[in-house]
Amino acid sequence: ELPMQDPLIDDEAYLAKLKQELRQWMKAQEKGPTLMDKWASKTQ
């Protein structure tokens, strides 16, 4: 959630949460294809 403050001033708590979300996204990108991915690919 974006902090309720002057949007021109970056909030440290917001940046910390953003980095955590970014790390989670990056971790997901590193994962190999799941069984569902393989099934979907064959079905497609």
ModelCIF file with pLDDT and N, C-alpha, C, O atoms, coordinates in Angstrom:
data_MODEL
#
_entry.id   MODEL 
#
_entity.id                         1 
_entity.type                       polymer 
_entity.pdbx_number_of_molecules   1 
#
_entity_poly.entity_id                      1 
_entity_poly.type                           'polypeptide(L)' 
_entity_poly.nstd_linkage                   no 
_entity_poly.nstd_monomer                   no 
_entity_poly.pdbx_seq_one_letter_code       ELPMQDPLIDDEAYLAKLKQELRQWMKAQEKGPTLMDKWASKTQ 
_entity_poly.pdbx_seq_one_letter_code_can   ELPMQDPLIDDEAYLAKLKQELRQWMKAQEKGPTLMDKWASKTQ 
_entity_poly.pdbx_strand_id                 A 
#
loop_
_entity_poly_seq.entity_id 
_entity_poly_seq.num 
_entity_poly_seq.mon_id 
_entity_poly_seq.hetero 
1 1  GLU n 
1 2  LEU n 
1 3  PRO n 
1 4  MET n 
1 5  GLN n 
1 6  ASP n 
1 7  PRO n 
1 8  LEU n 
1 9  ILE n 
1 10 ASP n 
1 11 ASP n 
1 12 GLU n 
1 13 ALA n 
1 14 TYR n 
1 15 LEU n 
1 16 ALA n 
1 17 LYS n 
1 18 LEU n 
1 19 LYS n 
1 20 GLN n 
1 21 GLU n 
1 22 LEU n 
1 23 ARG n 
1 24 GLN n 
1 25 TRP n 
1 26 MET n 
1 27 LYS n 
1 28 ALA n 
1 29 GLN n 
1 30 GLU n 
1 31 LYS n 
1 32 GLY n 
1 33 PRO n 
1 34 THR n 
1 35 LEU n 
1 36 MET n 
1 37 ASP n 
1 38 LYS n 
1 39 TRP n 
1 40 ALA n 
1 41 SER n 
1 42 LYS n 
1 43 THR n 
1 44 GLN n 
#
_struct_asym.id          A 
_struct_asym.entity_id   1 
#
loop_
_ma_qa_metric.id 
_ma_qa_metric.mode 
_ma_qa_metric.name 
_ma_qa_metric.software_group_id 
_ma_qa_metric.type 
1 global pLDDT . pLDDT 
2 local  pLDDT . pLDDT 
#
_ma_qa_metric_global.metric_id      1 
_ma_qa_metric_global.metric_value   76.23 
_ma_qa_metric_global.model_id       1 
_ma_qa_metric_global.ordinal_id     1 
#
loop_
_ma_qa_metric_local.label_asym_id 
_ma_qa_metric_local.label_comp_id 
_ma_qa_metric_local.label_seq_id 
_ma_qa_metric_local.metric_id 
_ma_qa_metric_local.metric_value 
_ma_qa_metric_local.model_id 
_ma_qa_metric_local.ordinal_id 
A GLU 1  2 64.00 1 1  
A LEU 2  2 66.00 1 2  
A PRO 3  2 61.00 1 3  
A MET 4  2 57.00 1 4  
A GLN 5  2 59.00 1 5  
A ASP 6  2 61.00 1 6  
A PRO 7  2 64.00 1 7  
A LEU 8  2 59.00 1 8  
A ILE 9  2 59.00 1 9  
A ASP 10 2 63.00 1 10 
A ASP 11 2 78.00 1 11 
A GLU 12 2 82.00 1 12 
A ALA 13 2 83.00 1 13 
A TYR 14 2 84.00 1 14 
A LEU 15 2 85.00 1 15 
A ALA 16 2 86.00 1 16 
A LYS 17 2 87.00 1 17 
A LEU 18 2 88.00 1 18 
A LYS 19 2 89.00 1 19 
A GLN 20 2 91.00 1 20 
A GLU 21 2 92.00 1 21 
A LEU 22 2 93.00 1 22 
A ARG 23 2 92.00 1 23 
A GLN 24 2 93.00 1 24 
A TRP 25 2 94.00 1 25 
A MET 26 2 93.00 1 26 
A LYS 27 2 92.00 1 27 
A ALA 28 2 91.00 1 28 
A GLN 29 2 91.00 1 29 
A GLU 30 2 88.00 1 30 
A LYS 31 2 84.00 1 31 
A GLY 32 2 75.00 1 32 
A PRO 33 2 69.00 1 33 
A THR 34 2 70.00 1 34 
A LEU 35 2 70.00 1 35 
A MET 36 2 67.00 1 36 
A ASP 37 2 67.00 1 37 
A LYS 38 2 67.00 1 38 
A TRP 39 2 67.00 1 39 
A ALA 40 2 65.00 1 40 
A SER 41 2 67.00 1 41 
A LYS 42 2 70.00 1 42 
A THR 43 2 67.00 1 43 
A GLN 44 2 64.00 1 44 
#
loop_
_atom_site.group_PDB 
_atom_site.id 
_atom_site.type_symbol 
_atom_site.label_atom_id 
_atom_site.label_alt_id 
_atom_site.label_comp_id 
_atom_site.label_asym_id 
_atom_site.label_entity_id 
_atom_site.label_seq_id 
_atom_site.pdbx_PDB_ins_code 
_atom_site.Cartn_x 
_atom_site.Cartn_y 
_atom_site.Cartn_z 
_atom_site.occupancy 
_atom_site.B_iso_or_equiv 
_atom_site.pdbx_formal_charge 
_atom_site.auth_seq_id 
_atom_site.auth_comp_id 
_atom_site.auth_asym_id 
_atom_site.auth_atom_id 
_atom_site.pdbx_PDB_model_num 
ATOM 1   N N  . GLU A 1 1  ? 0.846  -1.183  0.000   1.00 64.00 ? 1  GLU A N  1 
ATOM 2   C CA . GLU A 1 1  ? 0.000  0.000   0.000   1.00 64.00 ? 1  GLU A CA 1 
ATOM 3   C C  . GLU A 1 1  ? 0.884  1.236   0.000   1.00 64.00 ? 1  GLU A C  1 
ATOM 4   O O  . GLU A 1 1  ? 1.825  1.338   0.786   1.00 64.00 ? 1  GLU A O  1 
ATOM 5   N N  . LEU A 1 2  ? 0.575  2.171   -0.885  1.00 66.00 ? 2  LEU A N  1 
ATOM 6   C CA . LEU A 1 2  ? 1.358  3.398   -0.944  1.00 66.00 ? 2  LEU A CA 1 
ATOM 7   C C  . LEU A 1 2  ? 1.116  4.238   0.302   1.00 66.00 ? 2  LEU A C  1 
ATOM 8   O O  . LEU A 1 2  ? -0.034 4.380   0.718   1.00 66.00 ? 2  LEU A O  1 
ATOM 9   N N  . PRO A 1 3  ? 2.153  4.800   0.912   1.00 61.00 ? 3  PRO A N  1 
ATOM 10  C CA . PRO A 1 3  ? 2.016  5.596   2.132   1.00 61.00 ? 3  PRO A CA 1 
ATOM 11  C C  . PRO A 1 3  ? 1.258  6.892   1.890   1.00 61.00 ? 3  PRO A C  1 
ATOM 12  O O  . PRO A 1 3  ? 1.339  7.471   0.807   1.00 61.00 ? 3  PRO A O  1 
ATOM 13  N N  . MET A 1 4  ? 0.525  7.343   2.891   1.00 57.00 ? 4  MET A N  1 
ATOM 14  C CA . MET A 1 4  ? -0.236 8.585   2.804   1.00 57.00 ? 4  MET A CA 1 
ATOM 15  C C  . MET A 1 4  ? 0.654  9.738   3.233   1.00 57.00 ? 4  MET A C  1 
ATOM 16  O O  . MET A 1 4  ? 0.626  10.171  4.385   1.00 57.00 ? 4  MET A O  1 
ATOM 17  N N  . GLN A 1 5  ? 1.443  10.226  2.290   1.00 59.00 ? 5  GLN A N  1 
ATOM 18  C CA . GLN A 1 5  ? 2.324  11.349  2.573   1.00 59.00 ? 5  GLN A CA 1 
ATOM 19  C C  . GLN A 1 5  ? 2.715  11.998  1.257   1.00 59.00 ? 5  GLN A C  1 
ATOM 20  O O  . GLN A 1 5  ? 2.233  11.605  0.195   1.00 59.00 ? 5  GLN A O  1 
ATOM 21  N N  . ASP A 1 6  ? 3.579  12.981  1.330   1.00 61.00 ? 6  ASP A N  1 
ATOM 22  C CA . ASP A 1 6  ? 4.054  13.649  0.125   1.00 61.00 ? 6  ASP A CA 1 
ATOM 23  C C  . ASP A 1 6  ? 4.737  12.627  -0.778  1.00 61.00 ? 6  ASP A C  1 
ATOM 24  O O  . ASP A 1 6  ? 5.773  12.077  -0.406  1.00 61.00 ? 6  ASP A O  1 
ATOM 25  N N  . PRO A 1 7  ? 4.167  12.358  -1.979  1.00 64.00 ? 7  PRO A N  1 
ATOM 26  C CA . PRO A 1 7  ? 4.741  11.329  -2.851  1.00 64.00 ? 7  PRO A CA 1 
ATOM 27  C C  . PRO A 1 7  ? 6.108  11.687  -3.414  1.00 64.00 ? 7  PRO A C  1 
ATOM 28  O O  . PRO A 1 7  ? 6.776  10.834  -3.998  1.00 64.00 ? 7  PRO A O  1 
ATOM 29  N N  . LEU A 1 8  ? 6.536  12.940  -3.247  1.00 59.00 ? 8  LEU A N  1 
ATOM 30  C CA . LEU A 1 8  ? 7.860  13.318  -3.733  1.00 59.00 ? 8  LEU A CA 1 
ATOM 31  C C  . LEU A 1 8  ? 8.954  12.917  -2.756  1.00 59.00 ? 8  LEU A C  1 
ATOM 32  O O  . LEU A 1 8  ? 10.135 12.932  -3.102  1.00 59.00 ? 8  LEU A O  1 
ATOM 33  N N  . ILE A 1 9  ? 8.566  12.560  -1.538  1.00 59.00 ? 9  ILE A N  1 
ATOM 34  C CA . ILE A 1 9  ? 9.524  12.168  -0.516  1.00 59.00 ? 9  ILE A CA 1 
ATOM 35  C C  . ILE A 1 9  ? 9.387  10.673  -0.284  1.00 59.00 ? 9  ILE A C  1 
ATOM 36  O O  . ILE A 1 9  ? 8.337  10.206  0.158   1.00 59.00 ? 9  ILE A O  1 
ATOM 37  N N  . ASP A 1 10 ? 10.427 9.926   -0.575  1.00 63.00 ? 10 ASP A N  1 
ATOM 38  C CA . ASP A 1 10 ? 10.363 8.478   -0.434  1.00 63.00 ? 10 ASP A CA 1 
ATOM 39  C C  . ASP A 1 10 ? 10.373 8.052   1.024   1.00 63.00 ? 10 ASP A C  1 
ATOM 40  O O  . ASP A 1 10 ? 11.192 8.514   1.819   1.00 63.00 ? 10 ASP A O  1 
ATOM 41  N N  . ASP A 1 11 ? 9.462  7.177   1.352   1.00 78.00 ? 11 ASP A N  1 
ATOM 42  C CA . ASP A 1 11 ? 9.285  6.687   2.706   1.00 78.00 ? 11 ASP A CA 1 
ATOM 43  C C  . ASP A 1 11 ? 10.125 5.417   2.899   1.00 78.00 ? 11 ASP A C  1 
ATOM 44  O O  . ASP A 1 11 ? 10.024 4.483   2.104   1.00 78.00 ? 11 ASP A O  1 
ATOM 45  N N  . GLU A 1 12 ? 10.939 5.382   3.936   1.00 82.00 ? 12 GLU A N  1 
ATOM 46  C CA . GLU A 1 12 ? 11.851 4.252   4.146   1.00 82.00 ? 12 GLU A CA 1 
ATOM 47  C C  . GLU A 1 12 ? 11.094 2.954   4.384   1.00 82.00 ? 12 GLU A C  1 
ATOM 48  O O  . GLU A 1 12 ? 11.507 1.897   3.907   1.00 82.00 ? 12 GLU A O  1 
ATOM 49  N N  . ALA A 1 13 ? 9.985  3.026   5.122   1.00 83.00 ? 13 ALA A N  1 
ATOM 50  C CA . ALA A 1 13 ? 9.201  1.816   5.389   1.00 83.00 ? 13 ALA A CA 1 
ATOM 51  C C  . ALA A 1 13 ? 8.608  1.268   4.087   1.00 83.00 ? 13 ALA A C  1 
ATOM 52  O O  . ALA A 1 13 ? 8.576  0.057   3.865   1.00 83.00 ? 13 ALA A O  1 
ATOM 53  N N  . TYR A 1 14 ? 8.144  2.175   3.240   1.00 84.00 ? 14 TYR A N  1 
ATOM 54  C CA . TYR A 1 14 ? 7.583  1.762   1.955   1.00 84.00 ? 14 TYR A CA 1 
ATOM 55  C C  . TYR A 1 14 ? 8.658  1.114   1.091   1.00 84.00 ? 14 TYR A C  1 
ATOM 56  O O  . TYR A 1 14 ? 8.422  0.077   0.469   1.00 84.00 ? 14 TYR A O  1 
ATOM 57  N N  . LEU A 1 15 ? 9.835  1.726   1.054   1.00 85.00 ? 15 LEU A N  1 
ATOM 58  C CA . LEU A 1 15 ? 10.917 1.173   0.241   1.00 85.00 ? 15 LEU A CA 1 
ATOM 59  C C  . LEU A 1 15 ? 11.330 -0.207  0.736   1.00 85.00 ? 15 LEU A C  1 
ATOM 60  O O  . LEU A 1 15 ? 11.668 -1.084  -0.060  1.00 85.00 ? 15 LEU A O  1 
ATOM 61  N N  . ALA A 1 16 ? 11.300 -0.397  2.060   1.00 86.00 ? 16 ALA A N  1 
ATOM 62  C CA . ALA A 1 16 ? 11.662 -1.701  2.618   1.00 86.00 ? 16 ALA A CA 1 
ATOM 63  C C  . ALA A 1 16 ? 10.658 -2.770  2.176   1.00 86.00 ? 16 ALA A C  1 
ATOM 64  O O  . ALA A 1 16 ? 11.044 -3.882  1.817   1.00 86.00 ? 16 ALA A O  1 
ATOM 65  N N  . LYS A 1 17 ? 9.365  -2.422  2.204   1.00 87.00 ? 17 LYS A N  1 
ATOM 66  C CA . LYS A 1 17 ? 8.335  -3.366  1.775   1.00 87.00 ? 17 LYS A CA 1 
ATOM 67  C C  . LYS A 1 17 ? 8.445  -3.635  0.279   1.00 87.00 ? 17 LYS A C  1 
ATOM 68  O O  . LYS A 1 17 ? 8.256  -4.762  -0.179  1.00 87.00 ? 17 LYS A O  1 
ATOM 69  N N  . LEU A 1 18 ? 8.753  -2.590  -0.470  1.00 88.00 ? 18 LEU A N  1 
ATOM 70  C CA . LEU A 1 18 ? 8.901  -2.739  -1.916  1.00 88.00 ? 18 LEU A CA 1 
ATOM 71  C C  . LEU A 1 18 ? 10.025 -3.720  -2.238  1.00 88.00 ? 18 LEU A C  1 
ATOM 72  O O  . LEU A 1 18 ? 9.875  -4.590  -3.095  1.00 88.00 ? 18 LEU A O  1 
ATOM 73  N N  . LYS A 1 19 ? 11.144 -3.571  -1.547  1.00 89.00 ? 19 LYS A N  1 
ATOM 74  C CA . LYS A 1 19 ? 12.279 -4.458  -1.786  1.00 89.00 ? 19 LYS A CA 1 
ATOM 75  C C  . LYS A 1 19 ? 11.934 -5.905  -1.432  1.00 89.00 ? 19 LYS A C  1 
ATOM 76  O O  . LYS A 1 19 ? 12.386 -6.840  -2.092  1.00 89.00 ? 19 LYS A O  1 
ATOM 77  N N  . GLN A 1 20 ? 11.120 -6.078  -0.374  1.00 91.00 ? 20 GLN A N  1 
ATOM 78  C CA . GLN A 1 20 ? 10.709 -7.420  0.007   1.00 91.00 ? 20 GLN A CA 1 
ATOM 79  C C  . GLN A 1 20 ? 9.831  -8.041  -1.075  1.00 91.00 ? 20 GLN A C  1 
ATOM 80  O O  . GLN A 1 20 ? 9.996  -9.213  -1.417  1.00 91.00 ? 20 GLN A O  1 
ATOM 81  N N  . GLU A 1 21 ? 8.901  -7.257  -1.612  1.00 92.00 ? 21 GLU A N  1 
ATOM 82  C CA . GLU A 1 21 ? 8.043  -7.742  -2.686  1.00 92.00 ? 21 GLU A CA 1 
ATOM 83  C C  . GLU A 1 21 ? 8.865  -8.057  -3.930  1.00 92.00 ? 21 GLU A C  1 
ATOM 84  O O  . GLU A 1 21 ? 8.609  -9.040  -4.624  1.00 92.00 ? 21 GLU A O  1 
ATOM 85  N N  . LEU A 1 22 ? 9.856  -7.210  -4.201  1.00 93.00 ? 22 LEU A N  1 
ATOM 86  C CA . LEU A 1 22 ? 10.717 -7.420  -5.359  1.00 93.00 ? 22 LEU A CA 1 
ATOM 87  C C  . LEU A 1 22 ? 11.519 -8.705  -5.212  1.00 93.00 ? 22 LEU A C  1 
ATOM 88  O O  . LEU A 1 22 ? 11.671 -9.457  -6.174  1.00 93.00 ? 22 LEU A O  1 
ATOM 89  N N  . ARG A 1 23 ? 12.031 -8.960  -4.015  1.00 92.00 ? 23 ARG A N  1 
ATOM 90  C CA . ARG A 1 23 ? 12.788 -10.201 -3.779  1.00 92.00 ? 23 ARG A CA 1 
ATOM 91  C C  . ARG A 1 23 ? 11.909 -11.430 -3.983  1.00 92.00 ? 23 ARG A C  1 
ATOM 92  O O  . ARG A 1 23 ? 12.356 -12.432 -4.540  1.00 92.00 ? 23 ARG A O  1 
ATOM 93  N N  . GLN A 1 24 ? 10.655 -11.353 -3.532  1.00 93.00 ? 24 GLN A N  1 
ATOM 94  C CA . GLN A 1 24 ? 9.733  -12.472 -3.711  1.00 93.00 ? 24 GLN A CA 1 
ATOM 95  C C  . GLN A 1 24 ? 9.466  -12.728 -5.190  1.00 93.00 ? 24 GLN A C  1 
ATOM 96  O O  . GLN A 1 24 ? 9.406  -13.876 -5.629  1.00 93.00 ? 24 GLN A O  1 
ATOM 97  N N  . TRP A 1 25 ? 9.307  -11.650 -5.955  1.00 94.00 ? 25 TRP A N  1 
ATOM 98  C CA . TRP A 1 25 ? 9.091  -11.780 -7.395  1.00 94.00 ? 25 TRP A CA 1 
ATOM 99  C C  . TRP A 1 25 ? 10.308 -12.398 -8.063  1.00 94.00 ? 25 TRP A C  1 
ATOM 100 O O  . TRP A 1 25 ? 10.172 -13.277 -8.914  1.00 94.00 ? 25 TRP A O  1 
ATOM 101 N N  . MET A 1 26 ? 11.494 -11.944 -7.684  1.00 93.00 ? 26 MET A N  1 
ATOM 102 C CA . MET A 1 26 ? 12.721 -12.466 -8.276  1.00 93.00 ? 26 MET A CA 1 
ATOM 103 C C  . MET A 1 26 ? 12.898 -13.943 -7.948  1.00 93.00 ? 26 MET A C  1 
ATOM 104 O O  . MET A 1 26 ? 13.342 -14.721 -8.792  1.00 93.00 ? 26 MET A O  1 
ATOM 105 N N  . LYS A 1 27 ? 12.554 -14.326 -6.736  1.00 92.00 ? 27 LYS A N  1 
ATOM 106 C CA . LYS A 1 27 ? 12.654 -15.729 -6.339  1.00 92.00 ? 27 LYS A CA 1 
ATOM 107 C C  . LYS A 1 27 ? 11.737 -16.595 -7.191  1.00 92.00 ? 27 LYS A C  1 
ATOM 108 O O  . LYS A 1 27 ? 12.100 -17.706 -7.577  1.00 92.00 ? 27 LYS A O  1 
ATOM 109 N N  . ALA A 1 28 ? 10.546 -16.080 -7.483  1.00 91.00 ? 28 ALA A N  1 
ATOM 110 C CA . ALA A 1 28 ? 9.594  -16.821 -8.316  1.00 91.00 ? 28 ALA A CA 1 
ATOM 111 C C  . ALA A 1 28 ? 10.121 -16.986 -9.738  1.00 91.00 ? 28 ALA A C  1 
ATOM 112 O O  . ALA A 1 28 ? 9.871  -18.006 -10.380 1.00 91.00 ? 28 ALA A O  1 
ATOM 113 N N  . GLN A 1 29 ? 10.854 -15.980 -10.234 1.00 91.00 ? 29 GLN A N  1 
ATOM 114 C CA . GLN A 1 29 ? 11.393 -16.055 -11.597 1.00 91.00 ? 29 GLN A CA 1 
ATOM 115 C C  . GLN A 1 29 ? 12.464 -17.130 -11.725 1.00 91.00 ? 29 GLN A C  1 
ATOM 116 O O  . GLN A 1 29 ? 12.670 -17.679 -12.807 1.00 91.00 ? 29 GLN A O  1 
ATOM 117 N N  . GLU A 1 30 ? 13.140 -17.430 -10.631 1.00 88.00 ? 30 GLU A N  1 
ATOM 118 C CA . GLU A 1 30 ? 14.236 -18.392 -10.655 1.00 88.00 ? 30 GLU A CA 1 
ATOM 119 C C  . GLU A 1 30 ? 13.744 -19.843 -10.618 1.00 88.00 ? 30 GLU A C  1 
ATOM 120 O O  . GLU A 1 30 ? 14.497 -20.766 -10.928 1.00 88.00 ? 30 GLU A O  1 
ATOM 121 N N  . LYS A 1 31 ? 12.491 -20.037 -10.240 1.00 84.00 ? 31 LYS A N  1 
ATOM 122 C CA . LYS A 1 31 ? 11.974 -21.394 -10.120 1.00 84.00 ? 31 LYS A CA 1 
ATOM 123 C C  . LYS A 1 31 ? 11.803 -22.039 -11.492 1.00 84.00 ? 31 LYS A C  1 
ATOM 124 O O  . LYS A 1 31 ? 11.480 -21.369 -12.472 1.00 84.00 ? 31 LYS A O  1 
ATOM 125 N N  . GLY A 1 32 ? 12.026 -23.345 -11.543 1.00 75.00 ? 32 GLY A N  1 
ATOM 126 C CA . GLY A 1 32 ? 11.837 -24.071 -12.796 1.00 75.00 ? 32 GLY A CA 1 
ATOM 127 C C  . GLY A 1 32 ? 10.367 -24.306 -13.065 1.00 75.00 ? 32 GLY A C  1 
ATOM 128 O O  . GLY A 1 32 ? 9.527  -23.996 -12.220 1.00 75.00 ? 32 GLY A O  1 
ATOM 129 N N  . PRO A 1 33 ? 10.037 -24.854 -14.239 1.00 69.00 ? 33 PRO A N  1 
ATOM 130 C CA . PRO A 1 33 ? 8.633  -25.111 -14.568 1.00 69.00 ? 33 PRO A CA 1 
ATOM 131 C C  . PRO A 1 33 ? 8.009  -26.140 -13.635 1.00 69.00 ? 33 PRO A C  1 
ATOM 132 O O  . PRO A 1 33 ? 8.621  -27.158 -13.311 1.00 69.00 ? 33 PRO A O  1 
ATOM 133 N N  . THR A 1 34 ? 6.795  -25.863 -13.212 1.00 70.00 ? 34 THR A N  1 
ATOM 134 C CA . THR A 1 34 ? 6.063  -26.791 -12.356 1.00 70.00 ? 34 THR A CA 1 
ATOM 135 C C  . THR A 1 34 ? 5.386  -27.847 -13.220 1.00 70.00 ? 34 THR A C  1 
ATOM 136 O O  . THR A 1 34 ? 5.378  -27.749 -14.447 1.00 70.00 ? 34 THR A O  1 
ATOM 137 N N  . LEU A 1 35 ? 4.817  -28.859 -12.563 1.00 70.00 ? 35 LEU A N  1 
ATOM 138 C CA . LEU A 1 35 ? 4.065  -29.871 -13.300 1.00 70.00 ? 35 LEU A CA 1 
ATOM 139 C C  . LEU A 1 35 ? 2.883  -29.232 -14.025 1.00 70.00 ? 35 LEU A C  1 
ATOM 140 O O  . LEU A 1 35 ? 2.521  -29.648 -15.125 1.00 70.00 ? 35 LEU A O  1 
ATOM 141 N N  . MET A 1 36 ? 2.283  -28.212 -13.394 1.00 67.00 ? 36 MET A N  1 
ATOM 142 C CA . MET A 1 36 ? 1.174  -27.511 -14.028 1.00 67.00 ? 36 MET A CA 1 
ATOM 143 C C  . MET A 1 36 ? 1.643  -26.767 -15.275 1.00 67.00 ? 36 MET A C  1 
ATOM 144 O O  . MET A 1 36 ? 0.949  -26.742 -16.292 1.00 67.00 ? 36 MET A O  1 
ATOM 145 N N  . ASP A 1 37 ? 2.840  -26.155 -15.186 1.00 67.00 ? 37 ASP A N  1 
ATOM 146 C CA . ASP A 1 37 ? 3.396  -25.461 -16.351 1.00 67.00 ? 37 ASP A CA 1 
ATOM 147 C C  . ASP A 1 37 ? 3.597  -26.433 -17.512 1.00 67.00 ? 37 ASP A C  1 
ATOM 148 O O  . ASP A 1 37 ? 3.265  -26.130 -18.658 1.00 67.00 ? 37 ASP A O  1 
ATOM 149 N N  . LYS A 1 38 ? 4.145  -27.603 -17.193 1.00 67.00 ? 38 LYS A N  1 
ATOM 150 C CA . LYS A 1 38 ? 4.412  -28.605 -18.234 1.00 67.00 ? 38 LYS A CA 1 
ATOM 151 C C  . LYS A 1 38 ? 3.117  -29.116 -18.835 1.00 67.00 ? 38 LYS A C  1 
ATOM 152 O O  . LYS A 1 38 ? 3.018  -29.306 -20.048 1.00 67.00 ? 38 LYS A O  1 
ATOM 153 N N  . TRP A 1 39 ? 2.121  -29.339 -17.983 1.00 67.00 ? 39 TRP A N  1 
ATOM 154 C CA . TRP A 1 39 ? 0.828  -29.805 -18.478 1.00 67.00 ? 39 TRP A CA 1 
ATOM 155 C C  . TRP A 1 39 ? 0.186  -28.752 -19.369 1.00 67.00 ? 39 TRP A C  1 
ATOM 156 O O  . TRP A 1 39 ? -0.356 -29.067 -20.429 1.00 67.00 ? 39 TRP A O  1 
ATOM 157 N N  . ALA A 1 40 ? 0.252  -27.492 -18.925 1.00 65.00 ? 40 ALA A N  1 
ATOM 158 C CA . ALA A 1 40 ? -0.348 -26.401 -19.693 1.00 65.00 ? 40 ALA A CA 1 
ATOM 159 C C  . ALA A 1 40 ? 0.324  -26.260 -21.050 1.00 65.00 ? 40 ALA A C  1 
ATOM 160 O O  . ALA A 1 40 ? -0.338 -26.011 -22.057 1.00 65.00 ? 40 ALA A O  1 
ATOM 161 N N  . SER A 1 41 ? 1.656  -26.421 -21.070 1.00 67.00 ? 41 SER A N  1 
ATOM 162 C CA . SER A 1 41 ? 2.397  -26.296 -22.320 1.00 67.00 ? 41 SER A CA 1 
ATOM 163 C C  . SER A 1 41 ? 1.970  -27.371 -23.319 1.00 67.00 ? 41 SER A C  1 
ATOM 164 O O  . SER A 1 41 ? 1.774  -27.089 -24.501 1.00 67.00 ? 41 SER A O  1 
ATOM 165 N N  . LYS A 1 42 ? 1.830  -28.602 -22.835 1.00 70.00 ? 42 LYS A N  1 
ATOM 166 C CA . LYS A 1 42 ? 1.408  -29.694 -23.712 1.00 70.00 ? 42 LYS A CA 1 
ATOM 167 C C  . LYS A 1 42 ? -0.020 -29.484 -24.201 1.00 70.00 ? 42 LYS A C  1 
ATOM 168 O O  . LYS A 1 42 ? -0.340 -29.737 -25.362 1.00 70.00 ? 42 LYS A O  1 
ATOM 169 N N  . THR A 1 43 ? -0.867 -29.018 -23.296 1.00 67.00 ? 43 THR A N  1 
ATOM 170 C CA . THR A 1 43 ? -2.266 -28.786 -23.656 1.00 67.00 ? 43 THR A CA 1 
ATOM 171 C C  . THR A 1 43 ? -2.390 -27.673 -24.672 1.00 67.00 ? 43 THR A C  1 
ATOM 172 O O  . THR A 1 43 ? -3.180 -27.767 -25.611 1.00 67.00 ? 43 THR A O  1 
ATOM 173 N N  . GLN A 1 44 ? -1.607 -26.612 -24.489 1.00 64.00 ? 44 GLN A N  1 
ATOM 174 C CA . GLN A 1 44 ? -1.629 -25.498 -25.430 1.00 64.00 ? 44 GLN A CA 1 
ATOM 175 C C  . GLN A 1 44 ? -1.167 -25.950 -26.812 1.00 64.00 ? 44 GLN A C  1 
ATOM 176 O O  . GLN A 1 44 ? -1.120 -25.144 -27.741 1.00 64.00 ? 44 GLN A O  1 
#
